[in-house]
Amino acid sequence: MKVGCTRAALLLILAMPALAGCGGGKAAPAGDAVLDQAMESGQQSAGLERLTVAEGQYRQAGTRALARDDAGAIGDAGYNLAVVQLAQDKPADALSTLAATRAALAVRGRSGADAGLDLTQAAALHRLSRDREAAPLAAGAMASPDLAIAEQASLLTGLIADGMGDRTMLAQAVAHLAHKRPVAAKWQADEDELQARMRLPHDPAGARDLAVQAADLRRQMVDYRGMARVLTLAARAAGQAGDAAGAAALTLQAGQSLHAQSPGVAPAIGAPDPFVEPAPPV
């Protein structure tokens, strides 16, 4: 039985890290107040980017689901935990969680296809540069009846295809993301990004404009990882269009964003950081 927010809702909160608010409504409660509270608290913490806290809450939820012997809740808790681990840039941990979740489900007779787990596994493999393994999982998840999962799977398939230089797969993902406007900002940003990647070889100026548009939408969605990725794409396009200064500026913007999101990323070169802590006096 489903617990707390739907999987798609967490995906949209973390934007895979899809993700802004608990969209899509709530799934039916399990009838266990402790389990329901742990799942709900995890979703709230994820929405506030308190990802370490959310990880602990989803572990508590999963442990309670095991005690309850509730296959549906085990699957949801495992999925949510893996998504939060991925949002913390811990893809190897996410893969371990997914493997253990699948094993727990199989013991309970739930060994069939699971688009949510497949999508999360594909995203983790992609982060680890294992795109040959990720591609079929992401492509399969595109057929999910859950529109949010299918949408994110289409975006991921397109990113993988672009990285592999597979124009046919990229075109399939673009076609799957074609929407009648107006659409939600998330969907428009995804479509614009893949369209930009598709246009880049033959229309770099048009690709740059689409990428900048997608970056603006991702900024509004507070999807800063995705924004930095599309700014990097816009920089590539600007360079190919002959705009060296524009390419340098976009590269710097992307680099500063990534460093601000994660201090482990090397500082951007080209402009000082006005907010860096001053060096201690010698």
Protein backbone atom coordinates (compact mmCIF):
# COMPACT_ATOMS: atom_id res chain seq x y z
CA MET A 1 0.00 0.00 0.00
CA LYS A 2 1.31 3.42 -0.92
CA VAL A 3 2.47 5.83 1.74
CA GLY A 4 2.80 9.62 1.85
CA CYS A 5 3.48 11.50 -1.38
CA THR A 6 3.62 9.56 -4.62
CA ARG A 7 6.98 8.64 -6.11
CA ALA A 8 6.34 11.11 -8.92
CA ALA A 9 5.85 13.87 -6.37
CA LEU A 10 9.27 13.27 -4.80
CA LEU A 11 10.75 13.19 -8.29
CA LEU A 12 9.26 16.62 -8.95
CA ILE A 13 10.56 17.92 -5.61
CA LEU A 14 14.13 16.87 -6.32
CA ALA A 15 13.86 17.02 -10.15
CA MET A 16 15.93 14.00 -10.27
CA PRO A 17 17.06 15.20 -8.56
CA ALA A 18 13.83 16.23 -10.31
CA LEU A 19 12.17 18.36 -8.09
CA ALA A 20 8.90 21.94 -6.04
CA GLY A 21 6.24 20.98 -3.63
CA CYS A 22 4.21 17.84 -3.29
CA GLY A 23 2.58 17.73 -6.68
CA GLY A 24 0.38 14.91 -7.87
CA GLY A 25 -1.50 14.50 -4.62
CA LYS A 26 -0.94 12.07 -1.76
CA ALA A 27 -1.07 8.33 -1.93
CA ALA A 28 -3.22 6.34 0.44
CA PRO A 29 -1.83 6.06 4.00
CA ALA A 30 -0.65 2.69 5.22
CA GLY A 31 -2.69 2.72 8.40
CA ASP A 32 0.51 2.89 10.46
CA ALA A 33 0.96 6.36 11.92
CA VAL A 34 4.70 5.87 12.54
CA LEU A 35 5.32 4.79 8.96
CA ASP A 36 3.13 7.53 7.50
CA GLN A 37 4.85 10.21 9.60
CA ALA A 38 8.35 9.05 8.62
CA MET A 39 7.46 9.14 4.92
CA GLU A 40 5.79 12.53 5.17
CA SER A 41 8.67 13.98 7.19
CA GLY A 42 11.13 12.67 4.62
CA GLN A 43 9.23 14.38 1.82
CA GLN A 44 9.10 17.66 3.72
CA SER A 45 12.82 17.55 4.50
CA ALA A 46 13.63 16.78 0.86
CA GLY A 47 11.55 19.76 -0.23
CA LEU A 48 13.62 21.98 2.09
CA GLU A 49 16.88 20.44 0.77
CA ARG A 50 17.61 18.93 4.18
CA LEU A 51 18.73 15.83 2.37
CA THR A 52 20.73 14.20 5.16
CA VAL A 53 17.70 14.47 7.43
CA ALA A 54 15.44 13.12 4.68
CA GLU A 55 17.77 10.17 4.17
CA GLY A 56 17.49 9.22 7.84
CA GLN A 57 13.70 9.57 7.78
CA TYR A 58 13.36 7.34 4.76
CA ARG A 59 15.58 4.74 6.43
CA GLN A 60 13.21 4.85 9.43
CA ALA A 61 10.24 4.48 7.09
CA GLY A 62 11.84 1.52 5.34
CA THR A 63 12.65 -0.20 8.61
CA ARG A 64 9.04 0.26 9.72
CA ALA A 65 7.83 -1.08 6.36
CA LEU A 66 9.96 -4.21 6.88
CA ALA A 67 8.47 -4.65 10.34
CA ARG A 68 5.02 -4.34 8.76
CA ASP A 69 6.00 -6.74 5.93
CA ASP A 70 4.41 -4.25 3.52
CA ALA A 71 5.86 -4.72 0.02
CA GLY A 72 4.36 -1.49 -1.35
CA ALA A 73 5.76 0.62 1.49
CA ILE A 74 9.15 -1.12 1.20
CA GLY A 75 9.27 -0.23 -2.49
CA ASP A 76 8.30 3.38 -1.90
CA ALA A 77 10.73 3.88 0.99
CA GLY A 78 13.55 2.30 -1.01
CA TYR A 79 12.79 4.44 -4.03
CA ASN A 80 12.61 7.63 -1.95
CA LEU A 81 15.84 6.82 -0.15
CA ALA A 82 17.65 6.19 -3.44
CA VAL A 83 16.36 9.44 -4.96
CA VAL A 84 17.56 11.41 -1.92
CA GLN A 85 20.96 9.70 -2.06
CA LEU A 86 21.19 10.61 -5.73
CA ALA A 87 20.29 14.20 -4.88
CA GLN A 88 23.29 14.19 -2.52
CA ASP A 89 25.47 13.00 -5.41
CA LYS A 90 25.90 9.52 -3.92
CA PRO A 91 25.07 7.35 -6.95
CA ALA A 92 26.90 4.27 -5.66
CA ASP A 93 24.87 4.37 -2.44
CA ALA A 94 21.70 4.77 -4.50
CA LEU A 95 22.57 1.66 -6.53
CA SER A 96 23.11 -0.34 -3.34
CA THR A 97 19.76 0.83 -1.97
CA LEU A 98 17.98 -0.08 -5.19
CA ALA A 99 19.52 -3.55 -5.32
CA ALA A 100 18.53 -4.25 -1.71
CA THR A 101 15.02 -2.87 -2.32
CA ARG A 102 14.54 -5.08 -5.37
CA ALA A 103 15.70 -8.10 -3.37
CA ALA A 104 13.26 -7.31 -0.54
CA LEU A 105 10.43 -6.96 -3.06
CA ALA A 106 11.34 -10.22 -4.82
CA VAL A 107 11.10 -12.14 -1.53
CA ARG A 108 7.54 -10.83 -1.27
CA GLY A 109 6.59 -11.82 -4.81
CA ARG A 110 7.11 -8.39 -6.33
CA SER A 111 9.83 -9.03 -8.90
CA GLY A 112 8.13 -7.43 -11.91
CA ALA A 113 9.09 -4.28 -13.75
CA ASP A 114 9.16 -1.06 -11.72
CA ALA A 115 9.61 2.08 -13.81
CA GLY A 116 10.43 4.25 -10.79
CA LEU A 117 13.24 1.99 -9.63
CA ASP A 118 14.47 1.57 -13.20
CA LEU A 119 14.59 5.34 -13.73
CA THR A 120 16.47 5.96 -10.49
CA GLN A 121 18.93 3.18 -11.31
CA ALA A 122 19.47 4.65 -14.77
CA ALA A 123 20.13 8.08 -13.26
CA ALA A 124 22.66 6.62 -10.81
CA LEU A 125 24.43 4.72 -13.58
CA HIS A 126 24.52 7.87 -15.71
CA ARG A 127 26.18 9.77 -12.86
CA LEU A 128 28.81 7.04 -12.78
CA SER A 129 29.38 7.35 -16.57
CA ARG A 130 27.92 3.88 -17.13
CA ASP A 131 25.64 5.03 -19.92
CA ARG A 132 25.56 1.73 -21.82
CA GLU A 133 23.90 0.17 -18.78
CA ALA A 134 21.72 3.19 -18.09
CA ALA A 135 20.29 3.65 -21.59
CA PRO A 136 17.90 0.64 -21.75
CA LEU A 137 16.60 1.28 -18.23
CA ALA A 138 15.84 4.92 -18.99
CA ALA A 139 14.28 4.09 -22.37
CA GLY A 140 12.06 1.46 -20.77
CA ALA A 141 10.86 3.90 -18.12
CA MET A 142 9.67 6.26 -20.87
CA ALA A 143 6.70 3.92 -21.32
CA SER A 144 5.55 4.33 -17.70
CA PRO A 145 1.86 5.28 -17.28
CA ASP A 146 3.04 7.73 -14.61
CA LEU A 147 3.51 10.90 -16.65
CA ALA A 148 6.09 12.43 -14.31
CA ILE A 149 8.28 9.31 -14.43
CA ALA A 150 7.87 9.01 -18.21
CA GLU A 151 8.83 12.68 -18.59
CA GLN A 152 11.96 12.39 -16.47
CA ALA A 153 12.90 9.16 -18.22
CA SER A 154 12.61 10.91 -21.59
CA LEU A 155 14.90 13.71 -20.43
CA LEU A 156 17.43 11.25 -19.05
CA THR A 157 17.30 9.18 -22.24
CA GLY A 158 18.02 12.32 -24.23
CA LEU A 159 20.95 13.30 -22.02
CA ILE A 160 22.42 9.81 -22.29
CA ALA A 161 21.90 9.73 -26.06
CA ASP A 162 23.56 13.13 -26.50
CA GLY A 163 26.54 12.04 -24.44
CA MET A 164 26.87 8.86 -26.49
CA GLY A 165 26.43 10.69 -29.80
CA ASP A 166 23.35 8.61 -30.60
CA ARG A 167 21.25 11.02 -32.67
CA THR A 168 18.52 8.44 -33.31
CA MET A 169 17.94 7.86 -29.60
CA LEU A 170 18.06 11.60 -28.96
CA ALA A 171 15.43 12.19 -31.66
CA GLN A 172 13.19 9.56 -30.05
CA ALA A 173 13.47 11.29 -26.68
CA VAL A 174 12.74 14.67 -28.27
CA ALA A 175 9.64 13.26 -29.94
CA HIS A 176 8.48 11.76 -26.65
CA LEU A 177 8.82 15.16 -24.96
CA ALA A 178 6.88 17.10 -27.61
CA HIS A 179 4.10 19.00 -25.82
CA LYS A 180 1.25 21.23 -26.82
CA ARG A 181 1.92 24.63 -25.27
CA PRO A 182 1.37 25.97 -22.73
CA VAL A 183 2.73 23.30 -20.42
CA ALA A 184 4.23 23.19 -16.94
CA ALA A 185 7.63 24.89 -16.66
CA LYS A 186 9.36 21.57 -15.90
CA TRP A 187 8.09 19.98 -19.11
CA GLN A 188 8.90 23.03 -21.22
CA ALA A 189 12.42 23.20 -19.79
CA ASP A 190 12.99 19.50 -20.53
CA GLU A 191 11.72 19.88 -24.09
CA ASP A 192 13.74 23.04 -24.74
CA GLU A 193 16.91 21.42 -23.43
CA LEU A 194 16.64 18.35 -25.64
CA GLN A 195 15.61 20.46 -28.63
CA ALA A 196 18.76 22.56 -28.04
CA ARG A 197 20.91 19.42 -28.01
CA MET A 198 19.24 18.26 -31.22
CA ARG A 199 19.82 21.62 -32.95
CA LEU A 200 23.40 22.14 -31.82
CA PRO A 201 25.21 20.54 -34.80
CA HIS A 202 23.32 22.52 -37.46
CA ASP A 203 21.95 25.62 -35.68
CA PRO A 204 24.18 26.56 -32.74
CA ALA A 205 22.70 30.05 -32.36
CA GLY A 206 19.19 28.62 -32.10
CA ALA A 207 20.47 25.96 -29.71
CA ARG A 208 22.01 28.65 -27.51
CA ASP A 209 18.71 30.55 -27.33
CA LEU A 210 16.76 27.42 -26.40
CA ALA A 211 19.34 26.45 -23.78
CA VAL A 212 19.26 29.91 -22.18
CA GLN A 213 15.46 29.73 -22.12
CA ALA A 214 15.61 26.32 -20.44
CA ALA A 215 18.12 27.65 -17.91
CA ASP A 216 15.75 30.50 -17.00
CA LEU A 217 12.93 28.01 -16.41
CA ARG A 218 15.11 25.75 -14.28
CA ARG A 219 16.19 28.76 -12.22
CA GLN A 220 12.53 29.55 -11.53
CA MET A 221 11.99 25.91 -10.50
CA VAL A 222 14.99 26.05 -8.11
CA ASP A 223 16.60 23.23 -10.10
CA TYR A 224 20.10 24.66 -9.96
CA ARG A 225 21.92 21.49 -10.98
CA GLY A 226 19.81 21.35 -14.13
CA MET A 227 20.28 25.08 -14.68
CA ALA A 228 24.07 24.77 -14.55
CA ARG A 229 23.95 21.82 -16.96
CA VAL A 230 21.94 23.85 -19.50
CA LEU A 231 24.17 26.91 -19.08
CA THR A 232 27.10 24.66 -19.98
CA LEU A 233 25.19 23.55 -23.06
CA ALA A 234 24.47 27.20 -23.93
CA ALA A 235 28.20 27.94 -23.63
CA ARG A 236 29.03 25.14 -26.08
CA ALA A 237 26.45 26.46 -28.50
CA ALA A 238 27.67 30.04 -28.19
CA GLY A 239 31.21 28.91 -28.91
CA GLN A 240 30.13 26.98 -32.00
CA ALA A 241 28.14 30.03 -33.13
CA GLY A 242 31.32 32.13 -33.00
CA ASP A 243 30.45 34.07 -29.85
CA ALA A 244 33.61 33.52 -27.82
CA ALA A 245 32.79 36.19 -25.23
CA GLY A 246 29.30 34.83 -24.70
CA ALA A 247 30.63 31.30 -24.36
CA ALA A 248 33.16 32.43 -21.74
CA ALA A 249 30.50 34.27 -19.74
CA LEU A 250 28.08 31.32 -19.80
CA THR A 251 30.87 28.92 -18.80
CA LEU A 252 31.71 31.17 -15.86
CA GLN A 253 28.06 31.38 -14.80
CA ALA A 254 27.73 27.60 -14.87
CA GLY A 255 30.99 27.12 -12.98
CA GLN A 256 30.10 29.61 -10.26
CA SER A 257 26.70 27.97 -9.78
CA LEU A 258 28.18 24.49 -9.49
CA HIS A 259 30.84 25.63 -7.01
CA ALA A 260 28.20 27.45 -4.92
CA GLN A 261 26.07 24.30 -4.87
CA SER A 262 28.97 22.06 -3.90
CA PRO A 263 32.23 23.47 -2.48
CA GLY A 264 33.92 20.26 -3.60
CA VAL A 265 33.62 21.49 -7.18
CA ALA A 266 36.65 23.55 -8.24
CA PRO A 267 36.05 27.33 -8.17
CA ALA A 268 35.23 28.94 -11.49
CA ILE A 269 38.15 30.68 -13.14
CA GLY A 270 37.63 34.08 -14.71
CA ALA A 271 36.08 36.26 -12.01
CA PRO A 272 36.47 36.61 -8.23
CA ASP A 273 33.85 35.21 -5.88
CA PRO A 274 32.40 38.20 -3.98
CA PHE A 275 31.12 35.97 -1.19
CA VAL A 276 34.18 33.85 -0.43
CA GLU A 277 35.52 33.95 3.12
CA PRO A 278 38.57 36.22 3.32
CA ALA A 279 41.90 34.53 3.84
CA PRO A 280 43.14 34.70 7.44
CA PRO A 281 45.91 37.22 8.07
CA VAL A 282 49.43 35.87 7.87
